[in-house]
């Protein structure tokens, strides 16, 4: 396969390099693209050095099978035609095209087949919080249609990129030294605090992040499922956590749900609360799966369940999911496996 990474210098771009190597992804030729500022810098992949090319509207992607893009929505919109005009499949990590009707939005464990129909040669990589949630929702929905979901997210500093992680580190040091914390990346001090805002607010007082979970979940699951989310930034370095309440059409037993979780692809059950075993972001950081635990009946709803989900949002929530889309295409799309 001939592969390109657009936005290689960012946190997700760097994760693409690691994930492609970890997954032993078949690569014959690799090209790296970035901004004018990043052009000329070099990265090592599988023992070979690659120089970053500046992405322009004259960039030639002919011969590139798949391009992983993670340079922001405005860049994706500006250069989509440049990237796809010669048949390259663009797997885009930004929000640019996620809700476009002619762009599939894919989590391979849930709706991999959607990737086969891509009129614009663009496949959307969903939002990180949505990805890890639907991996856990899908096995339940196969047992009984999920009518509604309530979710509170606990999102790590890394969701705001490398600068977010750096600000959390800086603030922690400053506060322990009795200094005023530096606040630039987030709306308020994050260290020793919680911020009940991720992204900007919309007209209905939900944030864009919260509305992404509503809209993207329906598109991925081909469902009228209703999602009400509260997204919170927490002073955790990496890996997002979610407390989820679901209401299904018929009552489900904990035993059948647990069995569905255990059989589900990409999901690992860690659920022994009596012995202090449940998913935590510290253990999930850098890991591939989505972890689920604290499964129990919802005391407020006879058809309700509640559980706790943790996943590394840079990995499964971004780079790994995109690479898994490409792996799914190689396995199932005749364009790639002929």
Protein backbone atom coordinates (compact mmCIF):
# COMPACT_ATOMS: atom_id res chain seq x y z
CA UNK A 1 0.00 0.00 0.00
CA UNK A 2 1.06 3.56 -0.72
CA UNK A 3 0.16 5.70 2.29
CA UNK A 4 0.19 9.41 3.08
CA UNK A 5 -0.22 11.16 6.43
CA UNK A 6 -1.41 14.77 6.35
CA UNK A 7 -0.74 16.68 9.56
CA UNK A 8 2.03 14.33 10.66
CA UNK A 9 3.55 16.79 13.13
CA UNK A 10 0.50 16.91 15.39
CA UNK A 11 -0.33 14.58 18.28
CA UNK A 12 -2.63 12.41 16.14
CA UNK A 13 -0.25 12.50 13.19
CA UNK A 14 2.53 11.13 15.38
CA UNK A 15 0.14 8.51 16.71
CA UNK A 16 -0.56 7.45 13.12
CA UNK A 17 3.11 6.56 12.70
CA UNK A 18 3.14 4.53 15.91
CA UNK A 19 -0.13 2.74 15.19
CA UNK A 20 0.79 1.88 11.60
CA UNK A 21 3.98 0.30 12.90
CA UNK A 22 2.30 -1.51 15.81
CA UNK A 23 -0.39 -2.90 13.50
CA UNK A 24 2.27 -4.08 11.02
CA UNK A 25 0.32 -2.20 8.36
CA UNK A 26 1.55 -3.09 4.85
CA UNK A 27 3.32 -0.01 3.47
CA UNK A 28 5.34 0.09 0.27
CA UNK A 29 5.68 3.87 0.10
CA UNK A 30 5.04 6.49 2.78
CA UNK A 31 4.65 10.22 2.26
CA UNK A 32 4.32 12.80 5.00
CA UNK A 33 2.64 16.19 4.59
CA UNK A 34 2.37 19.23 6.79
CA UNK A 35 2.17 23.00 6.86
CA UNK A 36 4.83 25.31 5.51
CA UNK A 37 6.22 25.50 9.04
CA UNK A 38 6.52 21.71 9.30
CA UNK A 39 7.87 21.15 5.78
CA UNK A 40 11.46 19.96 5.72
CA UNK A 41 11.39 18.31 9.11
CA UNK A 42 12.04 14.59 9.18
CA UNK A 43 10.54 11.58 11.00
CA UNK A 44 11.83 8.04 11.26
CA UNK A 45 9.51 5.16 10.44
CA UNK A 46 10.66 1.53 10.46
CA UNK A 47 14.28 2.61 10.41
CA UNK A 48 13.96 5.00 7.47
CA UNK A 49 13.86 8.79 7.55
CA UNK A 50 11.02 10.61 5.78
CA UNK A 51 10.95 14.34 5.05
CA UNK A 52 7.71 16.26 5.46
CA UNK A 53 6.37 17.80 2.26
CA UNK A 54 4.43 21.06 2.33
CA UNK A 55 0.77 20.50 1.54
CA UNK A 56 -0.34 22.78 -1.30
CA UNK A 57 -3.08 22.66 -3.89
CA UNK A 58 -0.41 21.49 -6.34
CA UNK A 59 0.58 18.50 -4.20
CA UNK A 60 0.43 15.31 -6.26
CA UNK A 61 -1.30 12.39 -4.53
CA UNK A 62 -1.41 10.18 -7.62
CA UNK A 63 -0.41 6.65 -6.67
CA UNK A 64 -1.37 7.16 -3.02
CA UNK A 65 -3.92 4.52 -2.00
CA UNK A 66 -4.96 5.95 1.36
CA UNK A 67 -4.33 9.33 2.99
CA UNK A 68 -4.84 9.73 6.72
CA UNK A 69 -5.64 13.38 7.38
CA UNK A 70 -5.49 15.08 10.77
CA UNK A 71 -4.71 18.74 10.21
CA UNK A 72 -8.00 20.34 11.22
CA UNK A 73 -11.35 20.84 9.50
CA UNK A 74 -10.36 23.92 7.50
CA UNK A 75 -7.33 22.15 6.02
CA UNK A 76 -9.38 19.06 5.20
CA UNK A 77 -12.00 21.15 3.41
CA UNK A 78 -9.41 23.16 1.50
CA UNK A 79 -7.36 20.21 0.26
CA UNK A 80 -9.91 17.37 -0.03
CA UNK A 81 -10.10 17.67 -3.82
CA UNK A 82 -6.31 17.83 -4.08
CA UNK A 83 -5.98 14.65 -2.04
CA UNK A 84 -8.77 12.61 -3.69
CA UNK A 85 -8.67 13.75 -7.34
CA UNK A 86 -6.53 10.78 -8.47
CA UNK A 87 -8.53 8.15 -6.55
CA UNK A 88 -6.85 8.35 -3.16
CA UNK A 89 -9.18 7.42 -0.31
CA UNK A 90 -9.07 10.13 2.33
CA UNK A 91 -9.74 8.94 5.88
CA UNK A 92 -10.33 12.21 7.65
CA UNK A 93 -9.97 12.71 11.39
CA UNK A 94 -11.48 16.20 11.45
CA UNK A 95 -15.11 17.28 11.80
CA UNK A 96 -15.15 18.67 8.24
CA UNK A 97 -17.29 16.02 6.54
CA UNK A 98 -18.67 13.83 9.32
CA UNK A 99 -22.30 14.78 8.87
CA UNK A 100 -22.24 15.07 5.07
CA UNK A 101 -24.74 12.61 3.61
CA UNK A 102 -22.29 11.44 0.94
CA UNK A 103 -19.44 10.76 3.40
CA UNK A 104 -19.62 7.55 5.46
CA UNK A 105 -18.80 7.89 9.16
CA UNK A 106 -17.23 4.65 10.27
CA UNK A 107 -16.32 2.67 13.36
CA UNK A 108 -15.32 -0.73 11.91
CA UNK A 109 -16.70 -2.80 14.82
CA UNK A 110 -20.09 -1.14 14.32
CA UNK A 111 -20.62 -0.18 10.65
CA UNK A 112 -17.57 -1.16 8.62
CA UNK A 113 -19.64 -1.85 5.49
CA UNK A 114 -20.53 1.84 5.27
CA UNK A 115 -16.97 2.46 4.08
CA UNK A 116 -17.75 0.69 0.79
CA UNK A 117 -20.02 3.53 -0.36
CA UNK A 118 -17.93 6.70 -0.56
CA UNK A 119 -18.94 8.87 -3.54
CA UNK A 120 -16.31 11.51 -2.78
CA UNK A 121 -13.56 9.05 -1.78
CA UNK A 122 -13.76 10.49 1.74
CA UNK A 123 -14.45 8.48 4.89
CA UNK A 124 -15.07 10.31 8.15
CA UNK A 125 -13.37 9.26 11.36
CA UNK A 126 -15.86 10.07 14.14
CA UNK A 127 -15.30 12.19 17.21
CA UNK A 128 -13.27 10.44 19.91
CA UNK A 129 -16.04 10.42 22.53
CA UNK A 130 -18.51 9.00 20.02
CA UNK A 131 -16.16 6.24 18.89
CA UNK A 132 -15.59 4.69 22.29
CA UNK A 133 -19.26 5.03 23.22
CA UNK A 134 -20.68 3.30 20.13
CA UNK A 135 -18.23 0.40 20.48
CA UNK A 136 -19.99 -0.30 23.78
CA UNK A 137 -23.51 0.58 22.60
CA UNK A 138 -23.51 -1.66 19.51
CA UNK A 139 -23.57 -5.04 21.32
CA UNK A 140 -26.45 -3.84 23.50
CA UNK A 141 -28.39 -2.53 20.50
CA UNK A 142 -28.09 -5.92 18.83
CA UNK A 143 -29.94 -7.41 21.82
CA UNK A 144 -32.62 -4.71 22.00
CA UNK A 145 -32.98 -1.36 20.28
CA UNK A 146 -31.57 1.46 22.41
CA UNK A 147 -34.12 4.23 22.72
CA UNK A 148 -32.02 6.79 24.58
CA UNK A 149 -28.60 7.39 26.06
CA UNK A 150 -27.47 9.75 28.78
CA UNK A 151 -23.72 10.20 29.04
CA UNK A 152 -21.30 12.26 31.09
CA UNK A 153 -17.78 12.36 29.70
CA UNK A 154 -14.55 12.92 31.60
CA UNK A 155 -12.16 14.08 28.91
CA UNK A 156 -8.40 14.18 29.27
CA UNK A 157 -6.16 17.13 28.48
CA UNK A 158 -4.81 15.25 25.47
CA UNK A 159 -8.16 15.78 23.77
CA UNK A 160 -6.92 19.33 23.21
CA UNK A 161 -3.68 18.09 21.67
CA UNK A 162 -0.07 18.29 22.80
CA UNK A 163 -0.54 21.89 23.95
CA UNK A 164 -3.36 20.80 26.24
CA UNK A 165 -1.19 18.19 27.92
CA UNK A 166 1.64 20.69 28.27
CA UNK A 167 -0.65 23.25 29.89
CA UNK A 168 -1.83 20.71 32.46
CA UNK A 169 1.78 19.85 33.30
CA UNK A 170 2.74 23.52 33.55
CA UNK A 171 -0.23 24.43 35.74
CA UNK A 172 0.44 21.51 38.10
CA UNK A 173 4.05 22.61 38.61
CA UNK A 174 3.08 26.26 39.00
CA UNK A 175 0.39 25.55 41.58
CA UNK A 176 2.59 23.24 43.65
CA UNK A 177 5.15 26.07 43.70
CA UNK A 178 2.57 28.58 44.85
CA UNK A 179 2.50 30.45 41.52
CA UNK A 180 -0.44 31.66 39.46
CA UNK A 181 -1.32 29.02 36.83
CA UNK A 182 -0.88 29.78 33.15
CA UNK A 183 -4.27 29.58 31.41
CA UNK A 184 -4.14 29.70 27.60
CA UNK A 185 -5.48 26.51 26.05
CA UNK A 186 -8.53 25.90 28.24
CA UNK A 187 -11.37 28.14 29.38
CA UNK A 188 -10.13 28.00 32.98
CA UNK A 189 -7.51 26.41 35.19
CA UNK A 190 -7.61 22.65 34.56
CA UNK A 191 -5.15 21.42 37.19
CA UNK A 192 -7.02 20.40 40.39
CA UNK A 193 -10.26 21.42 38.67
CA UNK A 194 -13.03 20.29 36.31
CA UNK A 195 -14.32 22.34 33.36
CA UNK A 196 -17.89 21.48 32.26
CA UNK A 197 -17.24 22.70 28.73
CA UNK A 198 -15.57 20.96 25.80
CA UNK A 199 -15.76 23.01 22.57
CA UNK A 200 -18.04 26.02 22.10
CA UNK A 201 -21.70 26.31 23.08
CA UNK A 202 -24.48 26.09 20.49
CA UNK A 203 -27.89 27.78 20.48
CA UNK A 204 -29.47 25.06 22.64
CA UNK A 205 -26.73 25.45 25.32
CA UNK A 206 -25.20 22.10 24.48
CA UNK A 207 -21.62 22.31 23.25
CA UNK A 208 -20.54 21.23 19.77
CA UNK A 209 -18.83 18.24 21.40
CA UNK A 210 -22.10 17.19 23.02
CA UNK A 211 -24.06 17.61 19.80
CA UNK A 212 -21.47 15.55 17.94
CA UNK A 213 -22.29 12.65 20.24
CA UNK A 214 -25.99 13.06 19.45
CA UNK A 215 -25.70 13.38 15.67
CA UNK A 216 -22.77 11.06 15.00
CA UNK A 217 -24.22 8.19 17.04
CA UNK A 218 -27.41 8.23 14.99
CA UNK A 219 -25.46 8.23 11.72
CA UNK A 220 -23.04 5.47 12.70
CA UNK A 221 -25.70 3.19 14.17
CA UNK A 222 -28.37 3.97 11.54
CA UNK A 223 -30.73 4.62 14.41
CA UNK A 224 -33.14 7.11 15.93
CA UNK A 225 -31.27 6.70 19.21
CA UNK A 226 -31.32 9.92 21.27
CA UNK A 227 -28.15 10.97 23.10
CA UNK A 228 -28.02 13.61 25.82
CA UNK A 229 -24.44 14.39 26.80
CA UNK A 230 -22.55 16.55 29.26
CA UNK A 231 -18.87 16.77 28.32
CA UNK A 232 -16.37 17.66 31.04
CA UNK A 233 -12.64 18.35 30.80
CA UNK A 234 -10.75 16.73 33.68
CA UNK A 235 -7.12 16.97 34.88
CA UNK A 236 -6.15 13.61 33.39
CA UNK A 237 -3.28 13.49 30.93
CA UNK A 238 -4.57 10.92 28.46
CA UNK A 239 -7.63 8.65 27.86
CA UNK A 240 -11.28 9.68 28.09
CA UNK A 241 -13.83 8.16 30.46
CA UNK A 242 -17.62 8.07 30.12
CA UNK A 243 -20.48 7.26 32.49
CA UNK A 244 -23.31 5.95 30.31
CA UNK A 245 -27.00 5.25 30.98
CA UNK A 246 -29.02 3.49 28.27
CA UNK A 247 -32.71 2.69 27.98
CA UNK A 248 -33.69 -0.22 25.73
CA UNK A 249 -37.01 -1.25 24.22
CA UNK A 250 -37.09 -4.49 26.21
CA UNK A 251 -35.60 -5.29 29.58
CA UNK A 252 -32.20 -6.96 29.36
CA UNK A 253 -30.49 -9.04 32.02
CA UNK A 254 -27.02 -8.15 33.20
CA UNK A 255 -25.87 -11.64 32.24
CA UNK A 256 -26.83 -11.32 28.57
CA UNK A 257 -25.35 -7.82 28.33
CA UNK A 258 -22.11 -8.92 29.96
CA UNK A 259 -21.88 -11.86 27.54
CA UNK A 260 -22.48 -9.49 24.60
CA UNK A 261 -19.74 -7.18 25.89
CA UNK A 262 -17.31 -10.08 26.27
CA UNK A 263 -17.93 -11.27 22.71
CA UNK A 264 -17.79 -7.80 21.14
CA UNK A 265 -14.83 -6.89 18.96
CA UNK A 266 -12.66 -4.09 20.34
CA UNK A 267 -14.22 -4.19 23.80
CA UNK A 268 -12.58 -5.51 26.98
CA UNK A 269 -14.60 -6.12 30.13
CA UNK A 270 -12.93 -5.09 33.41
CA UNK A 271 -15.71 -5.48 35.94
CA UNK A 272 -14.93 -6.78 39.41
CA UNK A 273 -15.75 -3.79 41.63
CA UNK A 274 -15.62 -5.83 44.84
CA UNK A 275 -11.90 -6.26 44.22
CA UNK A 276 -11.34 -2.74 42.90
CA UNK A 277 -11.17 -3.79 39.26
CA UNK A 278 -12.77 -1.36 36.80
CA UNK A 279 -11.48 0.69 33.87
CA UNK A 280 -9.37 3.74 34.65
CA UNK A 281 -7.68 6.21 32.28
CA UNK A 282 -4.23 5.64 33.71
CA UNK A 283 -4.36 1.96 32.70
CA UNK A 284 -6.04 2.66 29.34
CA UNK A 285 -3.53 5.28 28.18
CA UNK A 286 -1.63 3.95 25.17
CA UNK A 287 -3.81 0.83 24.87
CA UNK A 288 -5.89 -0.22 21.85
CA UNK A 289 -9.23 -1.48 23.22
CA UNK A 290 -12.22 0.26 24.72
CA UNK A 291 -12.67 -0.90 28.32
CA UNK A 292 -16.06 -1.34 30.00
CA UNK A 293 -16.99 -1.98 33.63
CA UNK A 294 -19.30 -0.99 36.51
CA UNK A 295 -22.18 -2.68 34.63
CA UNK A 296 -25.39 -2.56 36.63
CA UNK A 297 -29.13 -1.99 36.35
CA UNK A 298 -30.37 1.59 36.26
CA UNK A 299 -32.36 2.09 39.47
CA UNK A 300 -34.45 4.81 37.79
CA UNK A 301 -35.50 2.79 34.72
CA UNK A 302 -36.62 -0.87 34.56
CA UNK A 303 -35.33 -1.05 30.97
CA UNK A 304 -32.18 0.82 31.85
CA UNK A 305 -28.52 -0.11 32.23
CA UNK A 306 -25.57 1.93 33.35
CA UNK A 307 -21.86 1.30 32.86
CA UNK A 308 -18.46 2.98 32.68
CA UNK A 309 -16.30 3.15 29.54
CA UNK A 310 -12.66 4.22 29.15
CA UNK A 311 -10.55 4.52 26.01
CA UNK A 312 -7.43 6.24 24.77
CA UNK A 313 -8.87 8.98 22.60
CA UNK A 314 -5.64 9.52 20.63
CA UNK A 315 -5.52 5.81 19.83
CA UNK A 316 -8.96 4.24 19.43
CA UNK A 317 -10.54 7.68 19.47
CA UNK A 318 -8.47 8.87 16.51
CA UNK A 319 -5.46 7.20 14.87
CA UNK A 320 -6.24 3.54 15.59
CA UNK A 321 -9.85 3.79 14.40
CA UNK A 322 -8.68 5.38 11.14
CA UNK A 323 -6.07 2.66 10.60
CA UNK A 324 -8.70 0.01 11.39
CA UNK A 325 -10.91 1.54 8.68
CA UNK A 326 -8.03 1.12 6.25
CA UNK A 327 -7.49 -2.46 7.42
CA UNK A 328 -11.20 -3.16 6.91
CA UNK A 329 -10.97 -1.80 3.36
CA UNK A 330 -7.95 -3.96 2.56
CA UNK A 331 -9.82 -7.03 3.77
CA UNK A 332 -13.26 -6.30 2.31
CA UNK A 333 -12.98 -3.85 -0.61
CA UNK A 334 -12.01 -5.32 -3.99
CA UNK A 335 -10.41 -1.98 -4.88
CA UNK A 336 -7.68 -2.74 -2.35
CA UNK A 337 -7.41 -6.54 -2.34
CA UNK A 338 -7.58 -7.36 -6.03
